[in-house]
């Protein structure tokens, strides 16, 4: 369990460290914060696109062998990350880390399914969720201290040493035999990867390329239409094609890339939707808060760590302790309450957030959201694991990896596009309502690419124009109010997503462990019953 938990920490620490290192990377690479967000998206995109292939590699060659190789590749990627001379190298390192994670994620689930059963399995799943949350706590604390007093690079250097430790510990794992008869579905890989790539790139470039009409930054246009929404729609179509192809392959008696039996019942599909929703919400918050603290307020990574510590601690403890409620409350009840808690917390944050993230009211909101988020992540993962036989553990792992990382990529991309879009709208409205900021001054500033900047950075830009002291003061006021209003509206939109997620949560299983039917033998594809609903 220590080895499994450390591997989860390895992957989660990497992703959680990127928002903390955002300020340092922006200065090192001289790029906007949305470029750093692309690194987060690239990691999650690589995992989501190829985790199904990773699951089949685990089945064919054995989970332990694939686990060791993926740890080695992940460590090599962190070496590249630590010495990155520019943003492109950083993004490439995250893509390589994601490819390693795509093989590692299903191996963790397979190892849990192989070594733990019943109550122990539920506890192990809870421990995995807590390891993920614990990595977030550690990343914000360690990343905050190192980023403030040394720099962002040593944060990722730690992961090189951790990879070596995990590799040594992996030789104590019980070796398992692979199944050479498992075939790799190449067509399925192409369809799944293309669908995920198109959806993620579409969301990630909504703001840059345009939501409707194509902007100047768009690589091409379709009769004036931005390619971003087209990519999203095309990705959804390819996703449906993947499902149809998988069903056809299963009926022909061939090994599909993903066993659709893991999402046959409505409760399992509801668990996947709920997992996507809660992880996307977490990604949006984890991007928004560090963006505001480091880029807008110009504060240190340590300040970010202190602000986010209550949230990460509450996620950590709720992910572990929610298991204790499984004997008293059904997954459906816990799911509903969890999303209601998240909705209340986000609404509360939207109304109380100001420029001070250490206010008691803000801390209460972050802790409350963390309690709901931590409980939900562990709950929906446990529903998927307990609902499927051990033979499908790798498929459950790949489904979890695809859902988690696609949600993380989409959540981060949407948060960036949403907040920048809201900021641009608020800035333009503020300028229109302020006669002091004359058209002559506006012509000296690039208003086509508005992004989050600190007041100091804005003052530096205005120093190169003909702005008078009164105009500079007014521009600073407009910028400050626009940023805060954008964040508040963004939090309210997140609350709307949370309240909509209550509906799929209402389709989660409505049973207690003692009422769970005995596991039937693994049926042929398409023949599983709806007994657990």
Protein backbone atom coordinates (compact mmCIF):
# COMPACT_ATOMS: atom_id res chain seq x y z
CA UNK A 1 0.00 0.00 0.00
CA UNK A 2 2.94 2.34 0.69
CA UNK A 3 4.27 1.82 -2.83
CA UNK A 4 0.83 2.37 -4.39
CA UNK A 5 0.22 5.50 -2.31
CA UNK A 6 3.65 6.95 -3.14
CA UNK A 7 3.02 6.41 -6.86
CA UNK A 8 -0.27 8.31 -6.57
CA UNK A 9 1.55 11.06 -4.67
CA UNK A 10 4.20 11.19 -7.42
CA UNK A 11 1.62 11.97 -10.11
CA UNK A 12 -0.59 14.25 -8.01
CA UNK A 13 2.36 16.23 -6.59
CA UNK A 14 3.50 17.03 -10.12
CA UNK A 15 0.13 18.42 -11.20
CA UNK A 16 -0.49 20.27 -7.93
CA UNK A 17 2.95 21.91 -8.08
CA UNK A 18 2.31 23.64 -11.40
CA UNK A 19 -0.19 26.24 -10.08
CA UNK A 20 2.11 26.99 -7.13
CA UNK A 21 5.07 27.47 -9.48
CA UNK A 22 3.00 29.63 -11.83
CA UNK A 23 4.50 32.96 -10.75
CA UNK A 24 8.08 31.71 -10.95
CA UNK A 25 7.56 30.11 -14.36
CA UNK A 26 5.91 33.25 -15.75
CA UNK A 27 9.03 35.20 -14.79
CA UNK A 28 11.51 32.52 -15.91
CA UNK A 29 9.94 31.92 -19.31
CA UNK A 30 8.44 35.41 -19.83
CA UNK A 31 5.06 34.00 -20.85
CA UNK A 32 1.44 34.70 -19.74
CA UNK A 33 -0.10 32.49 -17.02
CA UNK A 34 -2.35 30.76 -19.56
CA UNK A 35 0.80 29.23 -21.11
CA UNK A 36 1.63 27.61 -17.76
CA UNK A 37 -1.94 26.34 -17.68
CA UNK A 38 -1.19 24.65 -21.01
CA UNK A 39 1.42 22.56 -19.17
CA UNK A 40 -1.27 21.34 -16.76
CA UNK A 41 -3.59 20.65 -19.67
CA UNK A 42 -0.86 18.79 -21.60
CA UNK A 43 -0.19 16.41 -18.70
CA UNK A 44 -3.85 15.64 -18.16
CA UNK A 45 -4.41 15.39 -21.89
CA UNK A 46 -1.65 12.78 -22.31
CA UNK A 47 -3.02 10.65 -19.47
CA UNK A 48 -6.62 10.90 -20.63
CA UNK A 49 -5.80 10.14 -24.27
CA UNK A 50 -3.63 7.07 -23.65
CA UNK A 51 -4.70 5.61 -20.30
CA UNK A 52 -6.91 3.03 -22.06
CA UNK A 53 -3.85 1.86 -23.97
CA UNK A 54 -2.01 1.81 -20.64
CA UNK A 55 -4.66 -0.51 -19.19
CA UNK A 56 -4.23 -2.99 -22.03
CA UNK A 57 -0.43 -2.88 -21.65
CA UNK A 58 -0.94 -3.73 -17.97
CA UNK A 59 -3.11 -6.69 -18.90
CA UNK A 60 -0.76 -7.98 -21.57
CA UNK A 61 2.60 -7.58 -19.83
CA UNK A 62 1.58 -7.57 -16.14
CA UNK A 63 0.86 -4.62 -13.85
CA UNK A 64 4.13 -4.78 -11.91
CA UNK A 65 6.37 -4.70 -15.01
CA UNK A 66 4.44 -1.82 -16.58
CA UNK A 67 4.40 -0.01 -13.23
CA UNK A 68 8.20 -0.11 -12.97
CA UNK A 69 8.76 1.09 -16.52
CA UNK A 70 6.28 3.95 -16.12
CA UNK A 71 8.03 5.09 -12.92
CA UNK A 72 11.37 5.20 -14.79
CA UNK A 73 9.88 7.28 -17.64
CA UNK A 74 8.15 9.59 -15.17
CA UNK A 75 11.46 10.19 -13.36
CA UNK A 76 13.18 10.99 -16.67
CA UNK A 77 10.42 13.47 -17.51
CA UNK A 78 10.98 15.23 -14.19
CA UNK A 79 14.68 15.59 -15.01
CA UNK A 80 13.64 17.38 -18.21
CA UNK A 81 11.13 19.45 -16.23
CA UNK A 82 13.77 20.56 -13.72
CA UNK A 83 16.21 21.78 -16.37
CA UNK A 84 13.62 23.29 -18.73
CA UNK A 85 15.12 26.37 -20.44
CA UNK A 86 11.80 27.53 -21.91
CA UNK A 87 8.05 27.00 -21.81
CA UNK A 88 8.05 24.59 -24.76
CA UNK A 89 10.43 22.22 -22.96
CA UNK A 90 8.31 22.46 -19.82
CA UNK A 91 5.17 21.57 -21.76
CA UNK A 92 6.99 18.67 -23.46
CA UNK A 93 8.15 17.37 -20.06
CA UNK A 94 4.57 17.43 -18.83
CA UNK A 95 3.42 15.56 -21.94
CA UNK A 96 6.03 12.85 -21.27
CA UNK A 97 4.98 12.68 -17.61
CA UNK A 98 1.41 12.23 -18.79
CA UNK A 99 2.34 9.32 -21.04
CA UNK A 100 4.03 7.62 -18.08
CA UNK A 101 1.01 8.37 -15.91
CA UNK A 102 -1.27 6.80 -18.53
CA UNK A 103 0.39 3.45 -17.84
CA UNK A 104 0.74 3.98 -14.09
CA UNK A 105 -2.87 4.91 -13.27
CA UNK A 106 -4.51 1.57 -14.26
CA UNK A 107 -1.68 -0.39 -12.62
CA UNK A 108 -2.54 1.18 -9.23
CA UNK A 109 -6.18 0.08 -9.49
CA UNK A 110 -5.13 -3.41 -10.62
CA UNK A 111 -2.75 -3.75 -7.67
CA UNK A 112 -5.50 -2.73 -5.23
CA UNK A 113 -8.00 -5.14 -6.77
CA UNK A 114 -5.42 -7.95 -6.66
CA UNK A 115 -4.34 -7.45 -3.04
CA UNK A 116 -7.43 -6.12 -1.21
CA UNK A 117 -11.07 -7.22 -0.98
CA UNK A 118 -14.27 -6.12 0.76
CA UNK A 119 -13.80 -3.55 3.54
CA UNK A 120 -10.03 -3.56 3.02
CA UNK A 121 -10.54 -2.66 -0.62
CA UNK A 122 -12.80 0.29 0.28
CA UNK A 123 -10.20 1.45 2.80
CA UNK A 124 -7.44 1.09 0.19
CA UNK A 125 -9.45 3.16 -2.29
CA UNK A 126 -9.92 5.78 0.42
CA UNK A 127 -6.18 5.73 1.09
CA UNK A 128 -5.53 6.30 -2.61
CA UNK A 129 -7.86 9.30 -2.55
CA UNK A 130 -6.16 10.61 0.57
CA UNK A 131 -2.75 10.13 -1.04
CA UNK A 132 -3.93 12.29 -3.92
CA UNK A 133 -5.17 14.96 -1.52
CA UNK A 134 -2.05 14.63 0.65
CA UNK A 135 0.07 15.26 -2.42
CA UNK A 136 -1.86 18.48 -2.96
CA UNK A 137 -1.13 19.58 0.61
CA UNK A 138 2.56 18.71 0.27
CA UNK A 139 2.87 20.38 -3.13
CA UNK A 140 1.43 23.65 -1.88
CA UNK A 141 3.54 23.65 1.29
CA UNK A 142 6.85 22.44 -0.18
CA UNK A 143 6.31 24.31 -3.44
CA UNK A 144 5.41 27.45 -1.53
CA UNK A 145 8.52 27.38 0.64
CA UNK A 146 10.95 26.41 -2.14
CA UNK A 147 9.32 28.71 -4.69
CA UNK A 148 9.56 31.69 -2.35
CA UNK A 149 13.08 31.23 -1.02
CA UNK A 150 14.92 29.18 -3.70
CA UNK A 151 12.95 28.78 -6.92
CA UNK A 152 10.42 26.54 -8.64
CA UNK A 153 12.89 24.04 -10.14
CA UNK A 154 13.82 22.18 -6.91
CA UNK A 155 10.11 21.40 -6.43
CA UNK A 156 10.22 19.08 -9.42
CA UNK A 157 13.71 17.85 -8.52
CA UNK A 158 12.11 16.23 -5.47
CA UNK A 159 10.06 14.04 -7.79
CA UNK A 160 13.24 12.62 -9.35
CA UNK A 161 14.28 11.27 -5.94
CA UNK A 162 10.74 10.04 -5.21
CA UNK A 163 10.68 8.15 -8.52
CA UNK A 164 13.88 6.36 -7.53
CA UNK A 165 12.43 5.40 -4.12
CA UNK A 166 9.24 4.03 -5.69
CA UNK A 167 11.26 2.03 -8.22
CA UNK A 168 13.23 0.36 -5.41
CA UNK A 169 10.05 -0.38 -3.42
CA UNK A 170 8.37 -1.85 -6.50
CA UNK A 171 10.63 -4.90 -6.30
CA UNK A 172 8.77 -5.88 -3.12
CA UNK A 173 5.46 -6.09 -4.98
CA UNK A 174 4.07 -9.48 -5.82
CA UNK A 175 4.83 -10.17 -9.48
CA UNK A 176 1.85 -10.97 -11.67
CA UNK A 177 1.67 -12.77 -14.97
CA UNK A 178 0.69 -10.95 -18.10
CA UNK A 179 -1.88 -12.23 -20.58
CA UNK A 180 -0.22 -12.42 -24.01
CA UNK A 181 -3.56 -13.25 -25.61
CA UNK A 182 -4.78 -9.67 -24.94
CA UNK A 183 -4.76 -7.77 -28.24
CA UNK A 184 -4.29 -4.03 -28.64
CA UNK A 185 -7.15 -2.30 -30.44
CA UNK A 186 -5.29 0.18 -32.68
CA UNK A 187 -8.44 1.68 -34.21
CA UNK A 188 -9.89 2.19 -30.74
CA UNK A 189 -6.69 3.93 -29.60
CA UNK A 190 -6.82 6.32 -32.57
CA UNK A 191 -10.52 7.13 -32.05
CA UNK A 192 -10.23 7.62 -28.28
CA UNK A 193 -7.02 9.66 -28.44
CA UNK A 194 -8.29 11.85 -31.29
CA UNK A 195 -11.58 12.51 -29.49
CA UNK A 196 -9.86 13.52 -26.26
CA UNK A 197 -7.22 15.62 -28.05
CA UNK A 198 -9.84 17.54 -30.04
CA UNK A 199 -12.11 18.15 -27.04
CA UNK A 200 -9.26 19.32 -24.81
CA UNK A 201 -7.54 21.52 -27.39
CA UNK A 202 -10.90 23.00 -28.30
CA UNK A 203 -11.67 24.01 -24.72
CA UNK A 204 -8.09 25.16 -24.09
CA UNK A 205 -8.19 27.58 -27.04
CA UNK A 206 -11.71 28.94 -26.72
CA UNK A 207 -10.45 32.27 -25.45
CA UNK A 208 -7.42 32.50 -27.74
CA UNK A 209 -9.13 31.42 -30.98
CA UNK A 210 -12.61 32.70 -30.22
CA UNK A 211 -15.87 31.19 -28.99
CA UNK A 212 -17.73 32.02 -32.20
CA UNK A 213 -16.03 34.32 -34.67
CA UNK A 214 -12.38 33.42 -35.30
CA UNK A 215 -9.82 35.76 -33.78
CA UNK A 216 -6.47 36.80 -35.22
CA UNK A 217 -4.64 34.18 -33.12
CA UNK A 218 -6.67 31.30 -34.65
CA UNK A 219 -4.52 29.10 -36.93
CA UNK A 220 -7.36 28.93 -39.47
CA UNK A 221 -11.08 29.62 -39.72
CA UNK A 222 -14.11 27.97 -41.30
CA UNK A 223 -15.90 30.75 -43.17
CA UNK A 224 -15.04 33.06 -40.28
CA UNK A 225 -15.95 30.51 -37.55
CA UNK A 226 -13.38 29.75 -34.86
CA UNK A 227 -11.93 26.22 -35.01
CA UNK A 228 -12.22 25.79 -31.22
CA UNK A 229 -15.97 24.93 -31.00
CA UNK A 230 -15.66 22.86 -34.19
CA UNK A 231 -12.92 20.77 -32.57
CA UNK A 232 -15.09 20.20 -29.49
CA UNK A 233 -18.05 19.00 -31.56
CA UNK A 234 -15.85 16.81 -33.74
CA UNK A 235 -14.26 15.32 -30.63
CA UNK A 236 -17.69 14.40 -29.23
CA UNK A 237 -18.59 12.76 -32.54
CA UNK A 238 -15.38 10.72 -32.49
CA UNK A 239 -16.11 9.76 -28.88
CA UNK A 240 -19.46 8.33 -29.94
CA UNK A 241 -17.71 6.55 -32.81
CA UNK A 242 -15.32 5.00 -30.29
CA UNK A 243 -18.22 3.62 -28.24
CA UNK A 244 -19.87 2.17 -31.37
CA UNK A 245 -16.58 0.62 -32.52
CA UNK A 246 -15.96 -0.87 -29.06
CA UNK A 247 -19.40 -2.51 -29.00
CA UNK A 248 -18.85 -3.92 -32.48
CA UNK A 249 -15.46 -5.33 -31.50
CA UNK A 250 -16.84 -6.90 -28.30
CA UNK A 251 -19.69 -8.58 -30.21
CA UNK A 252 -17.12 -10.04 -32.59
CA UNK A 253 -15.39 -11.69 -29.62
CA UNK A 254 -12.29 -9.46 -29.83
CA UNK A 255 -10.64 -7.58 -26.96
CA UNK A 256 -11.94 -3.97 -26.86
CA UNK A 257 -9.80 -1.07 -25.72
CA UNK A 258 -12.27 -0.48 -22.87
CA UNK A 259 -14.66 -3.09 -21.51
CA UNK A 260 -17.99 -1.23 -21.64
CA UNK A 261 -19.28 -3.53 -18.89
CA UNK A 262 -17.78 -1.08 -16.37
CA UNK A 263 -20.37 1.54 -17.42
CA UNK A 264 -23.29 -0.70 -18.35
CA UNK A 265 -25.64 0.25 -15.51
CA UNK A 266 -27.06 3.74 -14.99
CA UNK A 267 -25.43 3.95 -11.55
CA UNK A 268 -21.98 3.37 -13.04
CA UNK A 269 -22.57 5.99 -15.72
CA UNK A 270 -23.76 8.38 -13.03
CA UNK A 271 -20.55 7.73 -11.06
CA UNK A 272 -18.46 8.66 -14.12
CA UNK A 273 -20.42 11.91 -14.68
CA UNK A 274 -20.17 12.77 -10.98
CA UNK A 275 -16.41 12.07 -11.00
CA UNK A 276 -15.92 14.30 -14.05
CA UNK A 277 -17.91 17.11 -12.43
CA UNK A 278 -16.14 17.14 -9.08
CA UNK A 279 -12.63 16.85 -10.57
CA UNK A 280 -13.37 19.63 -13.07
CA UNK A 281 -14.57 21.87 -10.24
CA UNK A 282 -11.42 21.16 -8.24
CA UNK A 283 -9.24 21.96 -11.28
CA UNK A 284 -11.06 25.25 -11.84
CA UNK A 285 -10.57 26.30 -8.21
CA UNK A 286 -6.94 25.15 -8.13
CA UNK A 287 -6.21 27.29 -11.18
CA UNK A 288 -8.26 30.34 -10.20
CA UNK A 289 -6.95 30.91 -6.68
CA UNK A 290 -3.18 30.74 -7.46
CA UNK A 291 -3.79 32.86 -10.58
CA UNK A 292 -5.39 35.57 -8.49
CA UNK A 293 -2.90 35.45 -5.62
CA UNK A 294 0.36 35.26 -7.58
CA UNK A 295 -0.37 37.01 -10.87
CA UNK A 296 -2.99 39.54 -9.82
CA UNK A 297 -1.83 40.37 -6.32
CA UNK A 298 1.85 39.70 -7.08
CA UNK A 299 2.31 37.69 -3.89
CA UNK A 300 4.71 34.80 -3.26
CA UNK A 301 4.12 31.05 -3.75
CA UNK A 302 4.22 30.80 0.06
CA UNK A 303 1.17 33.05 0.24
CA UNK A 304 -0.57 30.72 -2.21
CA UNK A 305 0.34 27.71 -0.07
CA UNK A 306 -1.05 29.34 3.07
CA UNK A 307 -4.27 30.34 1.31
CA UNK A 308 -4.86 26.87 -0.17
CA UNK A 309 -3.73 24.84 2.86
CA UNK A 310 -7.16 24.71 4.56
CA UNK A 311 -8.76 23.48 1.33
CA UNK A 312 -6.17 20.77 0.72
CA UNK A 313 -6.24 19.57 4.35
CA UNK A 314 -10.03 19.28 4.29
CA UNK A 315 -9.85 17.27 1.05
CA UNK A 316 -7.24 14.99 2.60
CA UNK A 317 -9.19 14.17 5.75
CA UNK A 318 -12.63 13.93 4.13
CA UNK A 319 -11.29 11.53 1.45
CA UNK A 320 -10.11 9.18 4.20
CA UNK A 321 -12.93 9.61 6.73
CA UNK A 322 -15.88 9.34 4.33
CA UNK A 323 -15.33 5.56 4.26
CA UNK A 324 -16.66 5.45 7.83
CA UNK A 325 -20.07 6.62 6.63
CA UNK A 326 -20.51 3.84 4.05
CA UNK A 327 -22.20 1.55 6.60
CA UNK A 328 -24.75 4.23 7.56
CA UNK A 329 -25.50 6.16 4.39
CA UNK A 330 -25.91 4.99 0.79
CA UNK A 331 -23.70 6.32 -2.05
CA UNK A 332 -26.71 8.20 -3.41
CA UNK A 333 -27.24 10.02 -0.12
CA UNK A 334 -23.55 10.87 0.28
CA UNK A 335 -23.31 12.00 -3.35
CA UNK A 336 -26.26 14.37 -3.08
CA UNK A 337 -25.04 15.91 0.16
CA UNK A 338 -21.51 16.22 -1.23
CA UNK A 339 -22.59 18.28 -4.24
CA UNK A 340 -24.95 20.38 -2.11
CA UNK A 341 -21.99 21.18 0.18
CA UNK A 342 -19.86 22.14 -2.86
CA UNK A 343 -22.63 24.37 -4.21
CA UNK A 344 -23.08 26.20 -0.91
CA UNK A 345 -19.33 26.64 -0.50
CA UNK A 346 -18.82 28.12 -3.98
CA UNK A 347 -21.78 30.50 -3.61
CA UNK A 348 -20.42 31.58 -0.23
CA UNK A 349 -16.95 32.21 -1.71
CA UNK A 350 -18.43 34.26 -4.55
CA UNK A 351 -20.07 36.63 -2.07
CA UNK A 352 -17.30 36.93 0.57
CA UNK A 353 -14.08 36.85 -1.48
CA UNK A 354 -12.12 40.10 -1.50
CA UNK A 355 -8.41 40.78 -1.86
CA UNK A 356 -7.52 38.96 1.37
CA UNK A 357 -7.53 35.16 1.08
CA UNK A 358 -6.78 34.63 4.78
CA UNK A 359 -10.07 36.11 6.01
CA UNK A 360 -12.06 33.72 8.19
CA UNK A 361 -15.09 33.84 5.88
CA UNK A 362 -12.96 32.82 2.86
CA UNK A 363 -11.23 30.04 4.79
CA UNK A 364 -14.62 28.66 5.85
CA UNK A 365 -15.70 28.53 2.21
CA UNK A 366 -12.51 26.77 1.07
CA UNK A 367 -12.70 24.20 3.89
CA UNK A 368 -16.37 23.51 3.18
CA UNK A 369 -15.70 22.96 -0.51
CA UNK A 370 -12.78 20.68 0.36
CA UNK A 371 -14.99 18.50 2.58
CA UNK A 372 -17.50 17.96 -0.21
CA UNK A 373 -14.85 17.47 -2.89
CA UNK A 374 -12.76 14.95 -0.96
CA UNK A 375 -15.76 12.85 -0.01
CA UNK A 376 -17.10 12.79 -3.57
CA UNK A 377 -13.83 11.75 -5.26
CA UNK A 378 -13.41 8.75 -2.96
CA UNK A 379 -17.11 7.84 -3.15
CA UNK A 380 -17.49 7.70 -6.94
CA UNK A 381 -14.21 5.82 -7.39
CA UNK A 382 -15.31 3.25 -4.81
CA UNK A 383 -18.66 2.83 -6.61
CA UNK A 384 -16.84 1.96 -9.85
CA UNK A 385 -14.36 -0.43 -8.20
CA UNK A 386 -16.97 -2.28 -6.12
CA UNK A 387 -19.42 -2.56 -9.04
CA UNK A 388 -16.99 -4.41 -11.33
CA UNK A 389 -15.30 -7.82 -10.95
CA UNK A 390 -11.55 -8.08 -10.39
CA UNK A 391 -11.01 -9.09 -14.00
CA UNK A 392 -12.03 -5.58 -15.08
CA UNK A 393 -9.80 -3.73 -12.59
CA UNK A 394 -7.54 -2.40 -15.35
CA UNK A 395 -10.56 -1.14 -17.28
CA UNK A 396 -11.87 0.60 -14.15
CA UNK A 397 -8.42 2.14 -13.72
CA UNK A 398 -8.32 3.37 -17.31
CA UNK A 399 -11.86 4.77 -17.02
CA UNK A 400 -10.90 6.56 -13.82
CA UNK A 401 -7.72 7.90 -15.40
CA UNK A 402 -9.51 9.10 -18.53
CA UNK A 403 -12.30 10.75 -16.55
CA UNK A 404 -10.03 12.37 -13.94
CA UNK A 405 -7.49 13.75 -16.36
CA UNK A 406 -9.95 14.83 -19.04
CA UNK A 407 -11.90 16.64 -16.32
CA UNK A 408 -8.69 18.21 -15.00
CA UNK A 409 -7.67 19.35 -18.49
CA UNK A 410 -11.13 20.66 -19.40
CA UNK A 411 -11.60 22.29 -15.98
CA UNK A 412 -8.28 24.11 -16.17
CA UNK A 413 -8.84 25.14 -19.80
CA UNK A 414 -12.39 26.36 -19.13
CA UNK A 415 -11.28 28.25 -16.01
CA UNK A 416 -8.59 30.06 -17.99
CA UNK A 417 -10.87 30.88 -20.91
CA UNK A 418 -13.79 31.80 -18.65
CA UNK A 419 -11.85 34.11 -16.33
CA UNK A 420 -9.94 35.83 -19.13
CA UNK A 421 -13.17 36.27 -21.09
CA UNK A 422 -14.96 37.72 -18.06
CA UNK A 423 -11.98 39.97 -17.34
CA UNK A 424 -11.94 41.30 -20.91
CA UNK A 425 -15.66 42.04 -20.79
CA UNK A 426 -15.38 43.79 -17.43
CA UNK A 427 -12.36 45.85 -18.53
CA UNK A 428 -14.05 46.99 -21.73
CA UNK A 429 -17.20 47.92 -19.84
CA UNK A 430 -15.14 49.81 -17.23
CA UNK A 431 -13.29 51.71 -19.96
CA UNK A 432 -16.55 52.60 -21.72
CA UNK A 433 -17.99 53.97 -18.46
CA UNK A 434 -14.89 56.07 -17.72
CA UNK A 435 -14.46 59.17 -19.89
CA UNK A 436 -11.03 59.82 -18.38
CA UNK A 437 -9.60 56.87 -20.33
CA UNK A 438 -9.82 58.58 -23.72
CA UNK A 439 -9.77 56.84 -27.11
CA UNK A 440 -6.33 58.34 -27.70
CA UNK A 441 -4.98 56.50 -24.65
CA UNK A 442 -6.82 53.29 -25.56
CA UNK A 443 -5.15 53.31 -28.96
CA UNK A 444 -1.75 53.07 -27.22
CA UNK A 445 -2.69 49.87 -25.35
CA UNK A 446 -3.30 46.39 -26.80
CA UNK A 447 -6.92 45.73 -25.84
CA UNK A 448 -7.17 42.70 -28.16
CA UNK A 449 -5.25 40.42 -25.79
CA UNK A 450 -6.40 41.35 -22.30
CA UNK A 451 -5.05 39.05 -19.58
CA UNK A 452 -4.58 38.98 -15.83
CA UNK A 453 -1.77 41.32 -14.75
CA UNK A 454 -0.81 42.90 -11.43
CA UNK A 455 -1.23 46.61 -10.83
CA UNK A 456 2.56 46.99 -10.88
CA UNK A 457 2.73 45.41 -14.34
CA UNK A 458 -0.12 47.62 -15.56
CA UNK A 459 1.65 50.69 -14.20
CA UNK A 460 4.80 49.71 -16.11
CA UNK A 461 2.80 49.37 -19.33
CA UNK A 462 1.09 52.73 -18.84
CA UNK A 463 4.44 54.38 -18.17
CA UNK A 464 5.23 53.86 -21.85
CA UNK A 465 2.15 55.79 -22.92
CA UNK A 466 0.99 59.39 -22.65
CA UNK A 467 -1.24 58.58 -19.64
CA UNK A 468 -1.53 61.29 -17.00
CA UNK A 469 -1.38 60.43 -13.25
CA UNK A 470 -5.18 60.67 -13.06
CA UNK A 471 -5.56 58.30 -16.02
CA UNK A 472 -3.11 55.82 -14.48
CA UNK A 473 -5.04 55.90 -11.19
CA UNK A 474 -8.34 55.34 -13.00
CA UNK A 475 -6.92 52.49 -15.08
CA UNK A 476 -5.67 50.81 -11.89
CA UNK A 477 -9.15 51.09 -10.38
CA UNK A 478 -10.82 49.61 -13.47
CA UNK A 479 -8.31 46.75 -13.55
CA UNK A 480 -8.74 45.95 -9.85
CA UNK A 481 -12.53 45.94 -9.97
CA UNK A 482 -12.64 43.96 -13.23
CA UNK A 483 -10.39 41.22 -11.86
CA UNK A 484 -12.39 40.78 -8.68
CA UNK A 485 -15.72 40.82 -10.54
CA UNK A 486 -14.42 38.20 -13.00
CA UNK A 487 -13.43 35.92 -10.12
CA UNK A 488 -16.79 36.32 -8.38
CA UNK A 489 -18.76 35.53 -11.54
CA UNK A 490 -16.46 32.58 -12.21
CA UNK A 491 -17.17 31.16 -8.75
CA UNK A 492 -20.92 31.53 -9.28
CA UNK A 493 -20.68 29.66 -12.60
CA UNK A 494 -18.77 26.89 -10.81
CA UNK A 495 -21.59 26.76 -8.24
CA UNK A 496 -24.08 26.26 -11.09
CA UNK A 497 -22.04 23.31 -12.35
CA UNK A 498 -22.02 21.82 -8.85
CA UNK A 499 -25.78 22.10 -8.43
CA UNK A 500 -26.39 20.48 -11.84
CA UNK A 501 -24.18 17.56 -10.76
CA UNK A 502 -26.71 16.71 -8.04
CA UNK A 503 -28.86 15.10 -10.75
CA UNK A 504 -26.36 12.39 -11.79
CA UNK A 505 -25.55 11.90 -8.10
CA UNK A 506 -29.21 10.96 -7.64
CA UNK A 507 -28.56 7.94 -9.91
CA UNK A 508 -25.78 6.52 -7.74
CA UNK A 509 -26.48 3.15 -6.03
CA UNK A 510 -28.99 3.36 -3.21
CA UNK A 511 -27.76 0.43 -1.12
CA UNK A 512 -25.66 -0.17 2.00
CA UNK A 513 -22.75 -2.66 1.90
CA UNK A 514 -24.81 -5.28 3.75
CA UNK A 515 -27.50 -5.03 1.05
CA UNK A 516 -25.06 -5.40 -1.88
CA UNK A 517 -25.96 -8.44 -4.00
CA UNK A 518 -23.37 -11.15 -4.45
CA UNK A 519 -21.08 -10.54 -7.40
CA UNK A 520 -22.35 -12.53 -10.37
CA UNK A 521 -19.91 -14.20 -12.72
CA UNK A 522 -18.52 -12.01 -15.47
CA UNK A 523 -21.15 -11.97 -18.22
CA UNK A 524 -20.47 -11.69 -21.91
CA UNK A 525 -20.33 -8.10 -23.22
CA UNK A 526 -23.70 -6.40 -23.21
CA UNK A 527 -25.28 -9.01 -20.85
CA UNK A 528 -24.75 -7.40 -17.42
CA UNK A 529 -27.87 -6.77 -15.39
CA UNK A 530 -29.09 -3.66 -13.64
CA UNK A 531 -29.23 -5.39 -10.24
CA UNK A 532 -27.24 -2.68 -8.48
CA UNK A 533 -29.57 0.12 -9.43
